[in-house]
Amino acid sequence: MNTKKSTRFDEFYNDNNNVSPSERAKIEFEVELIGKLIEAREANGLTQAQLAEAAGVKQSALARMENLRATPQIDTLFKVLTPMGYRLAIVQDENC
């Protein structure tokens, strides 16, 4: 008989004993950031290879970022966003 408790991902993820609020905020920020990066690339009609060439980064590095397998450094974000006409900004959180 299997007595192992089954846990759904959202229950695990939202349990502060498993993932702290600060870790959760970081994960959610990265997901949103990369989602916006992909949207910007696609809105500009660029492939990963085209953007990588324009930004001076490797296409494989861009693919790792877009697949959330690598967290981009700020200088890399600047390199990738600049050719598309975007910049990073700090804005006040309306929920605070």
PDB file of N, CA and C in Angstrom:
ATOM      1  N   MET A   1       0.828  -1.175   0.000  1.00  0.00           N
ATOM      2  CA  MET A   1       0.000   0.000   0.000  1.00  0.00           C
ATOM      3  C   MET A   1       0.882   1.250   0.000  1.00  0.00           C
ATOM      4  N   ASN A   2       0.564   2.177  -0.881  1.00  0.00           N
ATOM      5  CA  ASN A   2       1.332   3.401  -0.999  1.00  0.00           C
ATOM      6  C   ASN A   2       0.779   4.439  -0.030  1.00  0.00           C
ATOM      7  N   THR A   3       1.588   4.848   0.933  1.00  0.00           N
ATOM      8  CA  THR A   3       1.146   5.827   1.925  1.00  0.00           C
ATOM      9  C   THR A   3       1.717   7.211   1.659  1.00  0.00           C
ATOM     10  N   LYS A   4       2.448   7.349   0.557  1.00  0.00           N
ATOM     11  CA  LYS A   4       3.056   8.626   0.223  1.00  0.00           C
ATOM     12  C   LYS A   4       1.976   9.650  -0.138  1.00  0.00           C
ATOM     13  N   LYS A   5       2.049  10.803   0.506  1.00  0.00           N
ATOM     14  CA  LYS A   5       1.064  11.860   0.268  1.00  0.00           C
ATOM     15  C   LYS A   5       1.335  12.507  -1.084  1.00  0.00           C
ATOM     16  N   SER A   6       0.301  12.659  -1.892  1.00  0.00           N
ATOM     17  CA  SER A   6       0.450  13.321  -3.179  1.00  0.00           C
ATOM     18  C   SER A   6       0.166  14.796  -2.991  1.00  0.00           C
ATOM     19  N   THR A   7       0.990  15.641  -3.594  1.00  0.00           N
ATOM     20  CA  THR A   7       0.851  17.078  -3.466  1.00  0.00           C
ATOM     21  C   THR A   7       0.809  17.688  -4.856  1.00  0.00           C
ATOM     22  N   ARG A   8      -0.148  18.545  -5.068  1.00  0.00           N
ATOM     23  CA  ARG A   8      -0.214  19.267  -6.331  1.00  0.00           C
ATOM     24  C   ARG A   8       0.847  20.357  -6.332  1.00  0.00           C
ATOM     25  N   PHE A   9       1.303  20.703  -7.524  1.00  0.00           N
ATOM     26  CA  PHE A   9       2.369  21.690  -7.646  1.00  0.00           C
ATOM     27  C   PHE A   9       2.001  23.010  -6.985  1.00  0.00           C
ATOM     28  N   ASP A  10       0.800  23.520  -7.239  1.00  0.00           N
ATOM     29  CA  ASP A  10       0.441  24.821  -6.676  1.00  0.00           C
ATOM     30  C   ASP A  10       0.410  24.805  -5.159  1.00  0.00           C
ATOM     31  N   GLU A  11       0.020  23.678  -4.579  1.00  0.00           N
ATOM     32  CA  GLU A  11       0.049  23.564  -3.116  1.00  0.00           C
ATOM     33  C   GLU A  11       1.488  23.591  -2.613  1.00  0.00           C
ATOM     34  N   PHE A  12       2.360  22.864  -3.298  1.00  0.00           N
ATOM     35  CA  PHE A  12       3.773  22.844  -2.933  1.00  0.00           C
ATOM     36  C   PHE A  12       4.378  24.241  -3.098  1.00  0.00           C
ATOM     37  N   TYR A  13       4.141  24.853  -4.251  1.00  0.00           N
ATOM     38  CA  TYR A  13       4.732  26.147  -4.594  1.00  0.00           C
ATOM     39  C   TYR A  13       4.287  27.248  -3.641  1.00  0.00           C
ATOM     40  N   ASN A  14       3.038  27.229  -3.246  1.00  0.00           N
ATOM     41  CA  ASN A  14       2.505  28.285  -2.392  1.00  0.00           C
ATOM     42  C   ASN A  14       2.685  28.039  -0.902  1.00  0.00           C
ATOM     43  N   ASP A  15       3.301  26.940  -0.539  1.00  0.00           N
ATOM     44  CA  ASP A  15       3.588  26.643   0.865  1.00  0.00           C
ATOM     45  C   ASP A  15       4.916  27.308   1.227  1.00  0.00           C
ATOM     46  N   ASN A  16       4.882  28.253   2.172  1.00  0.00           N
ATOM     47  CA  ASN A  16       6.089  28.986   2.557  1.00  0.00           C
ATOM     48  C   ASN A  16       7.177  28.087   3.126  1.00  0.00           C
ATOM     49  N   ASN A  17       6.822  26.879   3.546  1.00  0.00           N
ATOM     50  CA  ASN A  17       7.839  25.950   4.031  1.00  0.00           C
ATOM     51  C   ASN A  17       8.640  25.361   2.879  1.00  0.00           C
ATOM     52  N   ASN A  18       8.084  25.391   1.676  1.00  0.00           N
ATOM     53  CA  ASN A  18       8.767  24.843   0.501  1.00  0.00           C
ATOM     54  C   ASN A  18       9.431  25.931  -0.330  1.00  0.00           C
ATOM     55  N   VAL A  19       8.713  27.004  -0.565  1.00  0.00           N
ATOM     56  CA  VAL A  19       9.204  28.121  -1.372  1.00  0.00           C
ATOM     57  C   VAL A  19       8.897  29.400  -0.603  1.00  0.00           C
ATOM     58  N   SER A  20       9.944  30.115  -0.236  1.00  0.00           N
ATOM     59  CA  SER A  20       9.738  31.333   0.549  1.00  0.00           C
ATOM     60  C   SER A  20       9.088  32.414  -0.313  1.00  0.00           C
ATOM     61  N   PRO A  21       8.442  33.379   0.323  1.00  0.00           N
ATOM     62  CA  PRO A  21       7.843  34.474  -0.449  1.00  0.00           C
ATOM     63  C   PRO A  21       8.866  35.200  -1.330  1.00  0.00           C
ATOM     64  N   SER A  22      10.084  35.374  -0.849  1.00  0.00           N
ATOM     65  CA  SER A  22      11.100  36.060  -1.663  1.00  0.00           C
ATOM     66  C   SER A  22      11.518  35.202  -2.851  1.00  0.00           C
ATOM     67  N   GLU A  23      11.639  33.891  -2.661  1.00  0.00           N
ATOM     68  CA  GLU A  23      11.955  32.994  -3.769  1.00  0.00           C
ATOM     69  C   GLU A  23      10.821  32.999  -4.798  1.00  0.00           C
ATOM     70  N   ARG A  24       9.597  32.982  -4.315  1.00  0.00           N
ATOM     71  CA  ARG A  24       8.424  32.998  -5.187  1.00  0.00           C
ATOM     72  C   ARG A  24       8.390  34.291  -6.001  1.00  0.00           C
ATOM     73  N   ALA A  25       8.671  35.424  -5.360  1.00  0.00           N
ATOM     74  CA  ALA A  25       8.686  36.715  -6.052  1.00  0.00           C
ATOM     75  C   ALA A  25       9.757  36.737  -7.139  1.00  0.00           C
ATOM     76  N   LYS A  26      10.914  36.167  -6.846  1.00  0.00           N
ATOM     77  CA  LYS A  26      12.009  36.106  -7.834  1.00  0.00           C
ATOM     78  C   LYS A  26      11.604  35.254  -9.027  1.00  0.00           C
ATOM     79  N   ILE A  27      11.021  34.105  -8.769  1.00  0.00           N
ATOM     80  CA  ILE A  27      10.583  33.211  -9.846  1.00  0.00           C
ATOM     81  C   ILE A  27       9.537  33.908 -10.714  1.00  0.00           C
ATOM     82  N   GLU A  28       8.565  34.532 -10.080  1.00  0.00           N
ATOM     83  CA  GLU A  28       7.496  35.195 -10.819  1.00  0.00           C
ATOM     84  C   GLU A  28       8.021  36.381 -11.621  1.00  0.00           C
ATOM     85  N   PHE A  29       8.994  37.094 -11.075  1.00  0.00           N
ATOM     86  CA  PHE A  29       9.617  38.200 -11.806  1.00  0.00           C
ATOM     87  C   PHE A  29      10.332  37.680 -13.044  1.00  0.00           C
ATOM     88  N   GLU A  30      11.111  36.617 -12.889  1.00  0.00           N
ATOM     89  CA  GLU A  30      11.847  36.060 -14.019  1.00  0.00           C
ATOM     90  C   GLU A  30      10.901  35.570 -15.110  1.00  0.00           C
ATOM     91  N   VAL A  31       9.823  34.896 -14.728  1.00  0.00           N
ATOM     92  CA  VAL A  31       8.859  34.398 -15.706  1.00  0.00           C
ATOM     93  C   VAL A  31       8.230  35.571 -16.461  1.00  0.00           C
ATOM     94  N   GLU A  32       7.839  36.618 -15.744  1.00  0.00           N
ATOM     95  CA  GLU A  32       7.224  37.783 -16.386  1.00  0.00           C
ATOM     96  C   GLU A  32       8.228  38.493 -17.288  1.00  0.00           C
ATOM     97  N   LEU A  33       9.456  38.672 -16.810  1.00  0.00           N
ATOM     98  CA  LEU A  33      10.494  39.350 -17.580  1.00  0.00           C
ATOM     99  C   LEU A  33      10.768  38.624 -18.890  1.00  0.00           C
ATOM    100  N   ILE A  34      10.964  37.323 -18.815  1.00  0.00           N
ATOM    101  CA  ILE A  34      11.269  36.553 -20.021  1.00  0.00           C
ATOM    102  C   ILE A  34      10.059  36.518 -20.949  1.00  0.00           C
ATOM    103  N   GLY A  35       8.870  36.443 -20.381  1.00  0.00           N
ATOM    104  CA  GLY A  35       7.665  36.499 -21.210  1.00  0.00           C
ATOM    105  C   GLY A  35       7.607  37.791 -22.005  1.00  0.00           C
ATOM    106  N   LYS A  36       7.928  38.911 -21.367  1.00  0.00           N
ATOM    107  CA  LYS A  36       7.942  40.207 -22.047  1.00  0.00           C
ATOM    108  C   LYS A  36       9.046  40.264 -23.099  1.00  0.00           C
ATOM    109  N   LEU A  37      10.182  39.670 -22.805  1.00  0.00           N
ATOM    110  CA  LEU A  37      11.286  39.627 -23.765  1.00  0.00           C
ATOM    111  C   LEU A  37      10.860  38.865 -25.027  1.00  0.00           C
ATOM    112  N   ILE A  38      10.207  37.721 -24.842  1.00  0.00           N
ATOM    113  CA  ILE A  38       9.730  36.927 -25.981  1.00  0.00           C
ATOM    114  C   ILE A  38       8.690  37.717 -26.771  1.00  0.00           C
ATOM    115  N   GLU A  39       7.755  38.353 -26.068  1.00  0.00           N
ATOM    116  CA  GLU A  39       6.734  39.165 -26.734  1.00  0.00           C
ATOM    117  C   GLU A  39       7.374  40.272 -27.568  1.00  0.00           C
ATOM    118  N   ALA A  40       8.378  40.937 -27.014  1.00  0.00           N
ATOM    119  CA  ALA A  40       9.057  42.019 -27.729  1.00  0.00           C
ATOM    120  C   ALA A  40       9.771  41.487 -28.969  1.00  0.00           C
ATOM    121  N   ARG A  41      10.451  40.363 -28.825  1.00  0.00           N
ATOM    122  CA  ARG A  41      11.156  39.775 -29.967  1.00  0.00           C
ATOM    123  C   ARG A  41      10.175  39.434 -31.074  1.00  0.00           C
ATOM    124  N   GLU A  42       9.087  38.779 -30.705  1.00  0.00           N
ATOM    125  CA  GLU A  42       8.090  38.377 -31.694  1.00  0.00           C
ATOM    126  C   GLU A  42       7.393  39.593 -32.309  1.00  0.00           C
ATOM    127  N   ALA A  43       7.115  40.622 -31.506  1.00  0.00           N
ATOM    128  CA  ALA A  43       6.482  41.838 -32.025  1.00  0.00           C
ATOM    129  C   ALA A  43       7.378  42.552 -33.029  1.00  0.00           C
ATOM    130  N   ASN A  44       8.680  42.392 -32.865  1.00  0.00           N
ATOM    131  CA  ASN A  44       9.644  42.978 -33.795  1.00  0.00           C
ATOM    132  C   ASN A  44       9.910  42.073 -34.988  1.00  0.00           C
ATOM    133  N   GLY A  45       9.243  40.914 -35.021  1.00  0.00           N
ATOM    134  CA  GLY A  45       9.393  39.988 -36.142  1.00  0.00           C
ATOM    135  C   GLY A  45      10.771  39.357 -36.236  1.00  0.00           C
ATOM    136  N   LEU A  46      11.423  39.177 -35.086  1.00  0.00           N
ATOM    137  CA  LEU A  46      12.779  38.639 -35.069  1.00  0.00           C
ATOM    138  C   LEU A  46      12.797  37.189 -34.611  1.00  0.00           C
ATOM    139  N   THR A  47      13.664  36.418 -35.230  1.00  0.00           N
ATOM    140  CA  THR A  47      13.938  35.077 -34.729  1.00  0.00           C
ATOM    141  C   THR A  47      14.970  35.213 -33.617  1.00  0.00           C
ATOM    142  N   GLN A  48      15.166  34.146 -32.875  1.00  0.00           N
ATOM    143  CA  GLN A  48      16.215  34.169 -31.854  1.00  0.00           C
ATOM    144  C   GLN A  48      17.567  34.442 -32.495  1.00  0.00           C
ATOM    145  N   ALA A  49      17.822  33.834 -33.629  1.00  0.00           N
ATOM    146  CA  ALA A  49      19.115  34.010 -34.306  1.00  0.00           C
ATOM    147  C   ALA A  49      19.320  35.461 -34.734  1.00  0.00           C
ATOM    148  N   GLN A  50      18.281  36.095 -35.265  1.00  0.00           N
ATOM    149  CA  GLN A  50      18.389  37.489 -35.694  1.00  0.00           C
ATOM    150  C   GLN A  50      18.634  38.419 -34.513  1.00  0.00           C
ATOM    151  N   LEU A  51      17.902  38.207 -33.428  1.00  0.00           N
ATOM    152  CA  LEU A  51      18.090  39.051 -32.248  1.00  0.00           C
ATOM    153  C   LEU A  51      19.461  38.820 -31.636  1.00  0.00           C
ATOM    154  N   ALA A  52      19.870  37.577 -31.569  1.00  0.00           N
ATOM    155  CA  ALA A  52      21.188  37.268 -31.002  1.00  0.00           C
ATOM    156  C   ALA A  52      22.291  37.967 -31.787  1.00  0.00           C
ATOM    157  N   GLU A  53      22.188  37.951 -33.108  1.00  0.00           N
ATOM    158  CA  GLU A  53      23.196  38.625 -33.935  1.00  0.00           C
ATOM    159  C   GLU A  53      23.185  40.133 -33.694  1.00  0.00           C
ATOM    160  N   ALA A  54      21.994  40.722 -33.650  1.00  0.00           N
ATOM    161  CA  ALA A  54      21.881  42.171 -33.425  1.00  0.00           C
ATOM    162  C   ALA A  54      22.387  42.567 -32.042  1.00  0.00           C
ATOM    163  N   ALA A  55      22.202  41.682 -31.074  1.00  0.00           N
ATOM    164  CA  ALA A  55      22.583  41.982 -29.690  1.00  0.00           C
ATOM    165  C   ALA A  55      24.026  41.601 -29.375  1.00  0.00           C
ATOM    166  N   GLY A  56      24.643  40.816 -30.241  1.00  0.00           N
ATOM    167  CA  GLY A  56      26.015  40.377 -29.977  1.00  0.00           C
ATOM    168  C   GLY A  56      26.099  39.292 -28.917  1.00  0.00           C
ATOM    169  N   VAL A  57      25.061  38.450 -28.866  1.00  0.00           N
ATOM    170  CA  VAL A  57      25.071  37.308 -27.953  1.00  0.00           C
ATOM    171  C   VAL A  57      24.855  36.041 -28.773  1.00  0.00           C
ATOM    172  N   LYS A  58      25.127  34.911 -28.183  1.00  0.00           N
ATOM    173  CA  LYS A  58      24.917  33.645 -28.881  1.00  0.00           C
ATOM    174  C   LYS A  58      23.437  33.285 -28.873  1.00  0.00           C
ATOM    175  N   GLN A  59      22.979  32.694 -29.973  1.00  0.00           N
ATOM    176  CA  GLN A  59      21.589  32.265 -30.069  1.00  0.00           C
ATOM    177  C   GLN A  59      21.270  31.251 -28.991  1.00  0.00           C
ATOM    178  N   SER A  60      22.225  30.387 -28.677  1.00  0.00           N
ATOM    179  CA  SER A  60      21.988  29.376 -27.639  1.00  0.00           C
ATOM    180  C   SER A  60      21.781  30.027 -26.275  1.00  0.00           C
ATOM    181  N   ALA A  61      22.469  31.140 -26.013  1.00  0.00           N
ATOM    182  CA  ALA A  61      22.284  31.859 -24.739  1.00  0.00           C
ATOM    183  C   ALA A  61      20.885  32.465 -24.684  1.00  0.00           C
ATOM    184  N   LEU A  62      20.437  33.002 -25.809  1.00  0.00           N
ATOM    185  CA  LEU A  62      19.093  33.564 -25.878  1.00  0.00           C
ATOM    186  C   LEU A  62      18.047  32.468 -25.691  1.00  0.00           C
ATOM    187  N   ALA A  63      18.273  31.315 -26.298  1.00  0.00           N
ATOM    188  CA  ALA A  63      17.345  30.184 -26.144  1.00  0.00           C
ATOM    189  C   ALA A  63      17.284  29.727 -24.692  1.00  0.00           C
ATOM    190  N   ARG A  64      18.419  29.664 -24.011  1.00  0.00           N
ATOM    191  CA  ARG A  64      18.432  29.265 -22.594  1.00  0.00           C
ATOM    192  C   ARG A  64      17.642  30.257 -21.751  1.00  0.00           C
ATOM    193  N   MET A  65      17.780  31.554 -22.050  1.00  0.00           N
ATOM    194  CA  MET A  65      17.009  32.567 -21.323  1.00  0.00           C
ATOM    195  C   MET A  65      15.521  32.373 -21.573  1.00  0.00           C
ATOM    196  N   GLU A  66      15.145  32.223 -22.837  1.00  0.00           N
ATOM    197  CA  GLU A  66      13.729  32.112 -23.186  1.00  0.00           C
ATOM    198  C   GLU A  66      13.103  30.828 -22.651  1.00  0.00           C
ATOM    199  N   ASN A  67      13.900  29.805 -22.444  1.00  0.00           N
ATOM    200  CA  ASN A  67      13.397  28.556 -21.887  1.00  0.00           C
ATOM    201  C   ASN A  67      13.513  28.514 -20.368  1.00  0.00           C
ATOM    202  N   LEU A  68      13.888  29.646 -19.777  1.00  0.00           N
ATOM    203  CA  LEU A  68      14.035  29.777 -18.321  1.00  0.00           C
ATOM    204  C   LEU A  68      15.049  28.795 -17.738  1.00  0.00           C
ATOM    205  N   ARG A  69      16.049  28.446 -18.535  1.00  0.00           N
ATOM    206  CA  ARG A  69      17.124  27.581 -18.039  1.00  0.00           C
ATOM    207  C   ARG A  69      18.324  28.391 -17.586  1.00  0.00           C
ATOM    208  N   ALA A  70      18.283  29.707 -17.862  1.00  0.00           N
ATOM    209  CA  ALA A  70      19.361  30.594 -17.430  1.00  0.00           C
ATOM    210  C   ALA A  70      18.760  31.944 -17.067  1.00  0.00           C
ATOM    211  N   THR A  71      19.243  32.518 -15.994  1.00  0.00           N
ATOM    212  CA  THR A  71      18.814  33.845 -15.584  1.00  0.00           C
ATOM    213  C   THR A  71      19.762  34.851 -16.219  1.00  0.00           C
ATOM    214  N   PRO A  72      19.218  35.787 -17.009  1.00  0.00           N
ATOM    215  CA  PRO A  72      20.107  36.727 -17.695  1.00  0.00           C
ATOM    216  C   PRO A  72      20.724  37.735 -16.735  1.00  0.00           C
ATOM    217  N   GLN A  73      21.956  38.097 -17.032  1.00  0.00           N
ATOM    218  CA  GLN A  73      22.624  39.167 -16.315  1.00  0.00           C
ATOM    219  C   GLN A  73      22.072  40.489 -16.837  1.00  0.00           C
ATOM    220  N   ILE A  74      22.166  41.549 -16.051  1.00  0.00           N
ATOM    221  CA  ILE A  74      21.632  42.844 -16.456  1.00  0.00           C
ATOM    222  C   ILE A  74      22.289  43.329 -17.747  1.00  0.00           C
ATOM    223  N   ASP A  75      23.597  43.161 -17.882  1.00  0.00           N
ATOM    224  CA  ASP A  75      24.259  43.622 -19.109  1.00  0.00           C
ATOM    225  C   ASP A  75      23.748  42.864 -20.331  1.00  0.00           C
ATOM    226  N   THR A  76      23.422  41.588 -20.166  1.00  0.00           N
ATOM    227  CA  THR A  76      22.861  40.808 -21.274  1.00  0.00           C
ATOM    228  C   THR A  76      21.470  41.317 -21.630  1.00  0.00           C
ATOM    229  N   LEU A  77      20.672  41.633 -20.623  1.00  0.00           N
ATOM    230  CA  LEU A  77      19.346  42.195 -20.891  1.00  0.00           C
ATOM    231  C   LEU A  77      19.454  43.493 -21.687  1.00  0.00           C
ATOM    232  N   PHE A  78      20.387  44.361 -21.313  1.00  0.00           N
ATOM    233  CA  PHE A  78      20.583  45.601 -22.060  1.00  0.00           C
ATOM    234  C   PHE A  78      20.955  45.303 -23.508  1.00  0.00           C
ATOM    235  N   LYS A  79      21.859  44.366 -23.709  1.00  0.00           N
ATOM    236  CA  LYS A  79      22.275  43.998 -25.064  1.00  0.00           C
ATOM    237  C   LYS A  79      21.103  43.503 -25.899  1.00  0.00           C
ATOM    238  N   VAL A  80      20.230  42.721 -25.284  1.00  0.00           N
ATOM    239  CA  VAL A  80      19.113  42.104 -26.007  1.00  0.00           C
ATOM    240  C   VAL A  80      17.968  43.098 -26.223  1.00  0.00           C
ATOM    241  N   LEU A  81      17.698  43.931 -25.249  1.00  0.00           N
ATOM    242  CA  LEU A  81      16.574  44.861 -25.351  1.00  0.00           C
ATOM    243  C   LEU A  81      16.860  46.060 -26.260  1.00  0.00           C
ATOM    244  N   THR A  82      18.077  46.545 -26.251  1.00  0.00           N
ATOM    245  CA  THR A  82      18.429  47.754 -26.993  1.00  0.00           C
ATOM    246  C   THR A  82      18.134  47.655 -28.492  1.00  0.00           C
ATOM    247  N   PRO A  83      18.517  46.598 -29.191  1.00  0.00           N
ATOM    248  CA  PRO A  83      18.230  46.545 -30.632  1.00  0.00           C
ATOM    249  C   PRO A  83      16.735  46.541 -30.965  1.00  0.00           C
ATOM    250  N   MET A  84      15.908  46.186 -29.982  1.00  0.00           N
ATOM    251  CA  MET A  84      14.462  46.148 -30.214  1.00  0.00           C
ATOM    252  C   MET A  84      13.786  47.449 -29.793  1.00  0.00           C
ATOM    253  N   GLY A  85      14.577  48.403 -29.255  1.00  0.00           N
ATOM    254  CA  GLY A  85      14.018  49.683 -28.846  1.00  0.00           C
ATOM    255  C   GLY A  85      13.396  49.667 -27.462  1.00  0.00           C
ATOM    256  N   TYR A  86      13.833  48.758 -26.612  1.00  0.00           N
ATOM    257  CA  TYR A  86      13.321  48.666 -25.246  1.00  0.00           C
ATOM    258  C   TYR A  86      14.434  48.981 -24.258  1.00  0.00           C
ATOM    259  N   ARG A  87      14.023  49.308 -23.030  1.00  0.00           N
ATOM    260  CA  ARG A  87      14.976  49.529 -21.948  1.00  0.00           C
ATOM    261  C   ARG A  87      14.381  48.986 -20.662  1.00  0.00           C
ATOM    262  N   LEU A  88      15.210  48.799 -19.682  1.00  0.00           N
ATOM    263  CA  LEU A  88      14.749  48.376 -18.360  1.00  0.00           C
ATOM    264  C   LEU A  88      14.336  49.605 -17.567  1.00  0.00           C
ATOM    265  N   ALA A  89      13.333  49.439 -16.736  1.00  0.00           N
ATOM    266  CA  ALA A  89      12.889  50.543 -15.893  1.00  0.00           C
ATOM    267  C   ALA A  89      12.422  49.983 -14.558  1.00  0.00           C
ATOM    268  N   ILE A  90      12.543  50.793 -13.533  1.00  0.00           N
ATOM    269  CA  ILE A  90      12.031  50.439 -12.217  1.00  0.00           C
ATOM    270  C   ILE A  90      10.756  51.250 -12.015  1.00  0.00           C
ATOM    271  N   VAL A  91       9.675  50.554 -11.731  1.00  0.00           N
ATOM    272  CA  VAL A  91       8.399  51.218 -11.530  1.00  0.00           C
ATOM    273  C   VAL A  91       7.833  50.826 -10.163  1.00  0.00           C
ATOM    274  N   GLN A  92       7.049  51.707  -9.605  1.00  0.00           N
ATOM    275  CA  GLN A  92       6.450  51.440  -8.304  1.00  0.00           C
ATOM    276  C   GLN A  92       5.388  50.355  -8.452  1.00  0.00           C
ATOM    277  N   ASP A  93       5.382  49.420  -7.509  1.00  0.00           N
ATOM    278  CA  ASP A  93       4.408  48.348  -7.480  1.00  0.00           C
ATOM    279  C   ASP A  93       3.094  48.915  -6.950  1.00  0.00           C
ATOM    280  N   GLU A  94       2.060  48.829  -7.765  1.00  0.00           N
ATOM    281  CA  GLU A  94       0.754  49.371  -7.359  1.00  0.00           C
ATOM    282  C   GLU A  94       0.129  48.589  -6.218  1.00  0.00           C
ATOM    283  N   ASN A  95       0.606  47.370  -5.968  1.00  0.00           N
ATOM    284  CA  ASN A  95       0.052  46.527  -4.917  1.00  0.00           C
ATOM    285  C   ASN A  95       0.672  46.802  -3.551  1.00  0.00           C
ATOM    286  N   CYS A  96       1.648  47.683  -3.495  1.00  0.00           N
ATOM    287  CA  CYS A  96       2.314  47.952  -2.204  1.00  0.00           C
ATOM    288  C   CYS A  96       1.800  49.208  -1.569  1.00  0.00           C
TER     289      CYS A  96
END
